[in-house]
Amino acid sequence: MDKALTDAGYRCYTGEKIDVYFNTAVCQHSGNCVRGSGKLFNLKRKPWIAPDSVDMHTVQRVIDTCPSGALKYRLK
């Protein structure tokens, strides 16, 4: 887990090969995440972010489109 991110208000969603971090206070609700991968980001599911539901490259590709920086990832 990335302590600097969690200390900055990011919540960690743990995956086998990659962890996804989300900070609701930073999010601008562009929708790029949900449109980018409905399997990875599903607002009707808890937890709504499931890093192991898609391949690692999809996680990286979708998060890299986040304009606000609310989403980040760390490879393991």
PDB file of N, CA and C in Angstrom:
ATOM      1  N   MET A   1       0.850  -1.182   0.000  1.00  0.00           N
ATOM      2  CA  MET A   1       0.000   0.000   0.000  1.00  0.00           C
ATOM      3  C   MET A   1       0.893   1.241   0.000  1.00  0.00           C
ATOM      4  N   ASP A   2       0.479   2.254  -0.719  1.00  0.00           N
ATOM      5  CA  ASP A   2       1.241   3.500  -0.811  1.00  0.00           C
ATOM      6  C   ASP A   2       0.775   4.454   0.288  1.00  0.00           C
ATOM      7  N   LYS A   3       1.575   4.543   1.352  1.00  0.00           N
ATOM      8  CA  LYS A   3       1.192   5.351   2.516  1.00  0.00           C
ATOM      9  C   LYS A   3       1.031   6.828   2.175  1.00  0.00           C
ATOM     10  N   ALA A   4       1.845   7.334   1.273  1.00  0.00           N
ATOM     11  CA  ALA A   4       1.737   8.750   0.883  1.00  0.00           C
ATOM     12  C   ALA A   4       0.365   9.041   0.260  1.00  0.00           C
ATOM     13  N   LEU A   5      -0.132   8.117  -0.553  1.00  0.00           N
ATOM     14  CA  LEU A   5      -1.453   8.310  -1.173  1.00  0.00           C
ATOM     15  C   LEU A   5      -2.572   8.185  -0.140  1.00  0.00           C
ATOM     16  N   THR A   6      -2.490   7.168   0.717  1.00  0.00           N
ATOM     17  CA  THR A   6      -3.553   7.012   1.718  1.00  0.00           C
ATOM     18  C   THR A   6      -3.548   8.184   2.692  1.00  0.00           C
ATOM     19  N   ASP A   7      -2.361   8.681   3.034  1.00  0.00           N
ATOM     20  CA  ASP A   7      -2.271   9.859   3.905  1.00  0.00           C
ATOM     21  C   ASP A   7      -2.869  11.095   3.233  1.00  0.00           C
ATOM     22  N   ALA A   8      -2.829  11.125   1.896  1.00  0.00           N
ATOM     23  CA  ALA A   8      -3.367  12.264   1.145  1.00  0.00           C
ATOM     24  C   ALA A   8      -4.868  12.137   0.883  1.00  0.00           C
ATOM     25  N   GLY A   9      -5.494  11.084   1.428  1.00  0.00           N
ATOM     26  CA  GLY A   9      -6.939  10.937   1.297  1.00  0.00           C
ATOM     27  C   GLY A   9      -7.396   9.942   0.256  1.00  0.00           C
ATOM     28  N   TYR A  10      -6.469   9.193  -0.334  1.00  0.00           N
ATOM     29  CA  TYR A  10      -6.836   8.182  -1.327  1.00  0.00           C
ATOM     30  C   TYR A  10      -7.196   6.880  -0.627  1.00  0.00           C
ATOM     31  N   ARG A  11      -8.231   6.217  -1.140  1.00  0.00           N
ATOM     32  CA  ARG A  11      -8.610   4.898  -0.644  1.00  0.00           C
ATOM     33  C   ARG A  11      -8.018   3.854  -1.579  1.00  0.00           C
ATOM     34  N   CYS A  12      -7.493   2.779  -1.015  1.00  0.00           N
ATOM     35  CA  CYS A  12      -6.856   1.726  -1.796  1.00  0.00           C
ATOM     36  C   CYS A  12      -7.836   0.598  -2.105  1.00  0.00           C
ATOM     37  N   TYR A  13      -7.860   0.215  -3.370  1.00  0.00           N
ATOM     38  CA  TYR A  13      -8.612  -0.952  -3.828  1.00  0.00           C
ATOM     39  C   TYR A  13      -7.557  -1.947  -4.301  1.00  0.00           C
ATOM     40  N   THR A  14      -7.386  -3.021  -3.547  1.00  0.00           N
ATOM     41  CA  THR A  14      -6.269  -3.932  -3.742  1.00  0.00           C
ATOM     42  C   THR A  14      -6.564  -4.987  -4.792  1.00  0.00           C
ATOM     43  N   GLY A  15      -5.599  -5.161  -5.687  1.00  0.00           N
ATOM     44  CA  GLY A  15      -5.653  -6.219  -6.684  1.00  0.00           C
ATOM     45  C   GLY A  15      -4.452  -7.126  -6.526  1.00  0.00           C
ATOM     46  N   GLU A  16      -4.437  -8.199  -7.279  1.00  0.00           N
ATOM     47  CA  GLU A  16      -3.338  -9.159  -7.181  1.00  0.00           C
ATOM     48  C   GLU A  16      -2.035  -8.575  -7.721  1.00  0.00           C
ATOM     49  N   LYS A  17      -2.109  -7.883  -8.873  1.00  0.00           N
ATOM     50  CA  LYS A  17      -0.907  -7.352  -9.511  1.00  0.00           C
ATOM     51  C   LYS A  17      -0.838  -5.834  -9.499  1.00  0.00           C
ATOM     52  N   ILE A  18      -1.955  -5.193  -9.181  1.00  0.00           N
ATOM     53  CA  ILE A  18      -2.023  -3.736  -9.231  1.00  0.00           C
ATOM     54  C   ILE A  18      -3.028  -3.242  -8.196  1.00  0.00           C
ATOM     55  N   ASP A  19      -2.696  -2.152  -7.526  1.00  0.00           N
ATOM     56  CA  ASP A  19      -3.623  -1.511  -6.595  1.00  0.00           C
ATOM     57  C   ASP A  19      -4.124  -0.226  -7.229  1.00  0.00           C
ATOM     58  N   VAL A  20      -5.409   0.060  -7.037  1.00  0.00           N
ATOM     59  CA  VAL A  20      -6.014   1.283  -7.556  1.00  0.00           C
ATOM     60  C   VAL A  20      -6.350   2.178  -6.365  1.00  0.00           C
ATOM     61  N   TYR A  21      -6.047   3.451  -6.514  1.00  0.00           N
ATOM     62  CA  TYR A  21      -6.306   4.439  -5.465  1.00  0.00           C
ATOM     63  C   TYR A  21      -7.285   5.471  -5.996  1.00  0.00           C
ATOM     64  N   PHE A  22      -8.243   5.865  -5.135  1.00  0.00           N
ATOM     65  CA  PHE A  22      -9.249   6.843  -5.525  1.00  0.00           C
ATOM     66  C   PHE A  22      -9.438   7.855  -4.404  1.00  0.00           C
ATOM     67  N   ASN A  23      -9.501   9.116  -4.794  1.00  0.00           N
ATOM     68  CA  ASN A  23      -9.741  10.195  -3.833  1.00  0.00           C
ATOM     69  C   ASN A  23     -10.990  10.945  -4.258  1.00  0.00           C
ATOM     70  N   THR A  24     -12.076  10.754  -3.512  1.00  0.00           N
ATOM     71  CA  THR A  24     -13.351  11.358  -3.859  1.00  0.00           C
ATOM     72  C   THR A  24     -13.299  12.889  -3.800  1.00  0.00           C
ATOM     73  N   ALA A  25     -12.440  13.450  -2.950  1.00  0.00           N
ATOM     74  CA  ALA A  25     -12.344  14.900  -2.821  1.00  0.00           C
ATOM     75  C   ALA A  25     -11.692  15.549  -4.046  1.00  0.00           C
ATOM     76  N   VAL A  26     -10.937  14.771  -4.798  1.00  0.00           N
ATOM     77  CA  VAL A  26     -10.250  15.279  -5.987  1.00  0.00           C
ATOM     78  C   VAL A  26     -11.087  15.053  -7.258  1.00  0.00           C
ATOM     79  N   CYS A  27     -11.955  14.059  -7.233  1.00  0.00           N
ATOM     80  CA  CYS A  27     -12.732  13.648  -8.415  1.00  0.00           C
ATOM     81  C   CYS A  27     -13.575  14.785  -8.975  1.00  0.00           C
ATOM     82  N   GLN A  28     -13.503  14.957 -10.308  1.00  0.00           N
ATOM     83  CA  GLN A  28     -14.307  15.963 -11.012  1.00  0.00           C
ATOM     84  C   GLN A  28     -15.463  15.328 -11.783  1.00  0.00           C
ATOM     85  N   HIS A  29     -15.675  14.050 -11.601  1.00  0.00           N
ATOM     86  CA  HIS A  29     -16.807  13.314 -12.189  1.00  0.00           C
ATOM     87  C   HIS A  29     -16.871  13.431 -13.712  1.00  0.00           C
ATOM     88  N   SER A  30     -15.721  13.284 -14.364  1.00  0.00           N
ATOM     89  CA  SER A  30     -15.674  13.321 -15.826  1.00  0.00           C
ATOM     90  C   SER A  30     -16.327  12.070 -16.422  1.00  0.00           C
ATOM     91  N   GLY A  31     -16.322  10.971 -15.673  1.00  0.00           N
ATOM     92  CA  GLY A  31     -16.911   9.723 -16.155  1.00  0.00           C
ATOM     93  C   GLY A  31     -15.976   8.887 -17.006  1.00  0.00           C
ATOM     94  N   ASN A  32     -14.741   9.339 -17.205  1.00  0.00           N
ATOM     95  CA  ASN A  32     -13.800   8.576 -18.030  1.00  0.00           C
ATOM     96  C   ASN A  32     -13.599   7.168 -17.496  1.00  0.00           C
ATOM     97  N   CYS A  33     -13.612   6.998 -16.184  1.00  0.00           N
ATOM     98  CA  CYS A  33     -13.371   5.687 -15.587  1.00  0.00           C
ATOM     99  C   CYS A  33     -14.486   4.706 -15.943  1.00  0.00           C
ATOM    100  N   VAL A  34     -15.710   5.095 -15.691  1.00  0.00           N
ATOM    101  CA  VAL A  34     -16.849   4.207 -15.927  1.00  0.00           C
ATOM    102  C   VAL A  34     -17.015   3.923 -17.424  1.00  0.00           C
ATOM    103  N   ARG A  35     -16.849   4.963 -18.240  1.00  0.00           N
ATOM    104  CA  ARG A  35     -16.936   4.769 -19.699  1.00  0.00           C
ATOM    105  C   ARG A  35     -15.760   3.955 -20.216  1.00  0.00           C
ATOM    106  N   GLY A  36     -14.607   4.093 -19.575  1.00  0.00           N
ATOM    107  CA  GLY A  36     -13.404   3.385 -20.013  1.00  0.00           C
ATOM    108  C   GLY A  36     -13.458   1.896 -19.753  1.00  0.00           C
ATOM    109  N   SER A  37     -14.058   1.500 -18.635  1.00  0.00           N
ATOM    110  CA  SER A  37     -14.198   0.078 -18.309  1.00  0.00           C
ATOM    111  C   SER A  37     -15.277  -0.116 -17.255  1.00  0.00           C
ATOM    112  N   GLY A  38     -16.442  -0.559 -17.691  1.00  0.00           N
ATOM    113  CA  GLY A  38     -17.547  -0.845 -16.790  1.00  0.00           C
ATOM    114  C   GLY A  38     -17.290  -2.046 -15.892  1.00  0.00           C
ATOM    115  N   LYS A  39     -16.340  -2.910 -16.308  1.00  0.00           N
ATOM    116  CA  LYS A  39     -15.984  -4.047 -15.460  1.00  0.00           C
ATOM    117  C   LYS A  39     -15.109  -3.593 -14.299  1.00  0.00           C
ATOM    118  N   LEU A  40     -14.192  -2.699 -14.578  1.00  0.00           N
ATOM    119  CA  LEU A  40     -13.272  -2.200 -13.556  1.00  0.00           C
ATOM    120  C   LEU A  40     -13.977  -1.236 -12.604  1.00  0.00           C
ATOM    121  N   PHE A  41     -14.760  -0.325 -13.171  1.00  0.00           N
ATOM    122  CA  PHE A  41     -15.469   0.693 -12.381  1.00  0.00           C
ATOM    123  C   PHE A  41     -16.968   0.492 -12.551  1.00  0.00           C
ATOM    124  N   ASN A  42     -17.642   0.059 -11.494  1.00  0.00           N
ATOM    125  CA  ASN A  42     -19.080  -0.202 -11.543  1.00  0.00           C
ATOM    126  C   ASN A  42     -19.720   0.443 -10.318  1.00  0.00           C
ATOM    127  N   LEU A  43     -20.447   1.535 -10.543  1.00  0.00           N
ATOM    128  CA  LEU A  43     -21.037   2.298  -9.443  1.00  0.00           C
ATOM    129  C   LEU A  43     -22.100   1.528  -8.670  1.00  0.00           C
ATOM    130  N   LYS A  44     -22.644   0.455  -9.250  1.00  0.00           N
ATOM    131  CA  LYS A  44     -23.694  -0.323  -8.581  1.00  0.00           C
ATOM    132  C   LYS A  44     -23.124  -1.447  -7.728  1.00  0.00           C
ATOM    133  N   ARG A  45     -21.805  -1.627  -7.754  1.00  0.00           N
ATOM    134  CA  ARG A  45     -21.160  -2.728  -7.037  1.00  0.00           C
ATOM    135  C   ARG A  45     -20.381  -2.159  -5.843  1.00  0.00           C
ATOM    136  N   LYS A  46     -20.262  -2.950  -4.805  1.00  0.00           N
ATOM    137  CA  LYS A  46     -19.407  -2.589  -3.671  1.00  0.00           C
ATOM    138  C   LYS A  46     -18.408  -3.695  -3.457  1.00  0.00           C
ATOM    139  N   PRO A  47     -17.112  -3.406  -3.461  1.00  0.00           N
ATOM    140  CA  PRO A  47     -16.552  -2.100  -3.778  1.00  0.00           C
ATOM    141  C   PRO A  47     -16.714  -1.782  -5.268  1.00  0.00           C
ATOM    142  N   TRP A  48     -16.814  -0.520  -5.594  1.00  0.00           N
ATOM    143  CA  TRP A  48     -17.111  -0.119  -6.973  1.00  0.00           C
ATOM    144  C   TRP A  48     -15.902  -0.233  -7.900  1.00  0.00           C
ATOM    145  N   ILE A  49     -14.696  -0.356  -7.338  1.00  0.00           N
ATOM    146  CA  ILE A  49     -13.486  -0.551  -8.131  1.00  0.00           C
ATOM    147  C   ILE A  49     -12.969  -1.963  -7.877  1.00  0.00           C
ATOM    148  N   ALA A  50     -12.810  -2.745  -8.955  1.00  0.00           N
ATOM    149  CA  ALA A  50     -12.359  -4.137  -8.846  1.00  0.00           C
ATOM    150  C   ALA A  50     -11.141  -4.342  -9.746  1.00  0.00           C
ATOM    151  N   PRO A  51      -9.931  -4.093  -9.217  1.00  0.00           N
ATOM    152  CA  PRO A  51      -8.721  -4.161 -10.042  1.00  0.00           C
ATOM    153  C   PRO A  51      -8.476  -5.501 -10.738  1.00  0.00           C
ATOM    154  N   ASP A  52      -8.941  -6.594 -10.164  1.00  0.00           N
ATOM    155  CA  ASP A  52      -8.702  -7.907 -10.763  1.00  0.00           C
ATOM    156  C   ASP A  52      -9.755  -8.309 -11.794  1.00  0.00           C
ATOM    157  N   SER A  53     -10.727  -7.437 -12.064  1.00  0.00           N
ATOM    158  CA  SER A  53     -11.795  -7.783 -13.003  1.00  0.00           C
ATOM    159  C   SER A  53     -11.381  -7.598 -14.462  1.00  0.00           C
ATOM    160  N   VAL A  54     -10.273  -6.901 -14.688  1.00  0.00           N
ATOM    161  CA  VAL A  54      -9.743  -6.692 -16.046  1.00  0.00           C
ATOM    162  C   VAL A  54      -8.226  -6.877 -15.993  1.00  0.00           C
ATOM    163  N   ASP A  55      -7.591  -6.903 -17.161  1.00  0.00           N
ATOM    164  CA  ASP A  55      -6.135  -7.064 -17.167  1.00  0.00           C
ATOM    165  C   ASP A  55      -5.458  -5.771 -16.704  1.00  0.00           C
ATOM    166  N   MET A  56      -4.232  -5.926 -16.270  1.00  0.00           N
ATOM    167  CA  MET A  56      -3.472  -4.826 -15.685  1.00  0.00           C
ATOM    168  C   MET A  56      -3.310  -3.655 -16.662  1.00  0.00           C
ATOM    169  N   HIS A  57      -3.158  -3.947 -17.940  1.00  0.00           N
ATOM    170  CA  HIS A  57      -2.967  -2.886 -18.927  1.00  0.00           C
ATOM    171  C   HIS A  57      -4.233  -2.055 -19.107  1.00  0.00           C
ATOM    172  N   THR A  58      -5.398  -2.688 -18.968  1.00  0.00           N
ATOM    173  CA  THR A  58      -6.660  -1.946 -19.028  1.00  0.00           C
ATOM    174  C   THR A  58      -6.766  -1.001 -17.839  1.00  0.00           C
ATOM    175  N   VAL A  59      -6.377  -1.474 -16.660  1.00  0.00           N
ATOM    176  CA  VAL A  59      -6.381  -0.623 -15.462  1.00  0.00           C
ATOM    177  C   VAL A  59      -5.525   0.613 -15.717  1.00  0.00           C
ATOM    178  N   GLN A  60      -4.318   0.407 -16.212  1.00  0.00           N
ATOM    179  CA  GLN A  60      -3.405   1.519 -16.464  1.00  0.00           C
ATOM    180  C   GLN A  60      -3.968   2.469 -17.519  1.00  0.00           C
ATOM    181  N   ARG A  61      -4.471   1.913 -18.616  1.00  0.00           N
ATOM    182  CA  ARG A  61      -4.980   2.730 -19.720  1.00  0.00           C
ATOM    183  C   ARG A  61      -6.137   3.616 -19.270  1.00  0.00           C
ATOM    184  N   VAL A  62      -7.086   3.044 -18.544  1.00  0.00           N
ATOM    185  CA  VAL A  62      -8.261   3.805 -18.118  1.00  0.00           C
ATOM    186  C   VAL A  62      -7.878   4.862 -17.081  1.00  0.00           C
ATOM    187  N   ILE A  63      -7.078   4.504 -16.107  1.00  0.00           N
ATOM    188  CA  ILE A  63      -6.691   5.465 -15.068  1.00  0.00           C
ATOM    189  C   ILE A  63      -5.877   6.608 -15.656  1.00  0.00           C
ATOM    190  N   ASP A  64      -5.078   6.319 -16.677  1.00  0.00           N
ATOM    191  CA  ASP A  64      -4.291   7.373 -17.320  1.00  0.00           C
ATOM    192  C   ASP A  64      -5.159   8.421 -18.019  1.00  0.00           C
ATOM    193  N   THR A  65      -6.449   8.140 -18.215  1.00  0.00           N
ATOM    194  CA  THR A  65      -7.361   9.119 -18.832  1.00  0.00           C
ATOM    195  C   THR A  65      -8.061  10.005 -17.801  1.00  0.00           C
ATOM    196  N   CYS A  66      -7.825   9.752 -16.516  1.00  0.00           N
ATOM    197  CA  CYS A  66      -8.477  10.540 -15.459  1.00  0.00           C
ATOM    198  C   CYS A  66      -7.906  11.959 -15.458  1.00  0.00           C
ATOM    199  N   PRO A  67      -8.736  12.983 -15.769  1.00  0.00           N
ATOM    200  CA  PRO A  67      -8.211  14.344 -15.886  1.00  0.00           C
ATOM    201  C   PRO A  67      -7.906  15.020 -14.552  1.00  0.00           C
ATOM    202  N   SER A  68      -8.511  14.556 -13.478  1.00  0.00           N
ATOM    203  CA  SER A  68      -8.372  15.244 -12.191  1.00  0.00           C
ATOM    204  C   SER A  68      -7.232  14.718 -11.327  1.00  0.00           C
ATOM    205  N   GLY A  69      -6.789  13.493 -11.606  1.00  0.00           N
ATOM    206  CA  GLY A  69      -5.794  12.866 -10.738  1.00  0.00           C
ATOM    207  C   GLY A  69      -6.415  12.154  -9.547  1.00  0.00           C
ATOM    208  N   ALA A  70      -7.731  12.005  -9.557  1.00  0.00           N
ATOM    209  CA  ALA A  70      -8.422  11.322  -8.463  1.00  0.00           C
ATOM    210  C   ALA A  70      -8.126   9.829  -8.453  1.00  0.00           C
ATOM    211  N   LEU A  71      -7.741   9.285  -9.601  1.00  0.00           N
ATOM    212  CA  LEU A  71      -7.401   7.871  -9.705  1.00  0.00           C
ATOM    213  C   LEU A  71      -5.910   7.715  -9.956  1.00  0.00           C
ATOM    214  N   LYS A  72      -5.326   6.775  -9.228  1.00  0.00           N
ATOM    215  CA  LYS A  72      -3.915   6.458  -9.410  1.00  0.00           C
ATOM    216  C   LYS A  72      -3.760   4.947  -9.259  1.00  0.00           C
ATOM    217  N   TYR A  73      -2.651   4.420  -9.715  1.00  0.00           N
ATOM    218  CA  TYR A  73      -2.389   2.990  -9.547  1.00  0.00           C
ATOM    219  C   TYR A  73      -0.942   2.770  -9.175  1.00  0.00           C
ATOM    220  N   ARG A  74      -0.706   1.628  -8.545  1.00  0.00           N
ATOM    221  CA  ARG A  74       0.647   1.207  -8.194  1.00  0.00           C
ATOM    222  C   ARG A  74       0.784  -0.270  -8.560  1.00  0.00           C
ATOM    223  N   LEU A  75       1.795  -0.586  -9.377  1.00  0.00           N
ATOM    224  CA  LEU A  75       2.076  -1.979  -9.721  1.00  0.00           C
ATOM    225  C   LEU A  75       2.732  -2.658  -8.535  1.00  0.00           C
ATOM    226  N   LYS A  76       2.493  -3.941  -8.408  1.00  0.00           N
ATOM    227  CA  LYS A  76       3.097  -4.699  -7.301  1.00  0.00           C
ATOM    228  C   LYS A  76       4.331  -5.430  -7.780  1.00  0.00           C
TER     229      LYS A  76
END
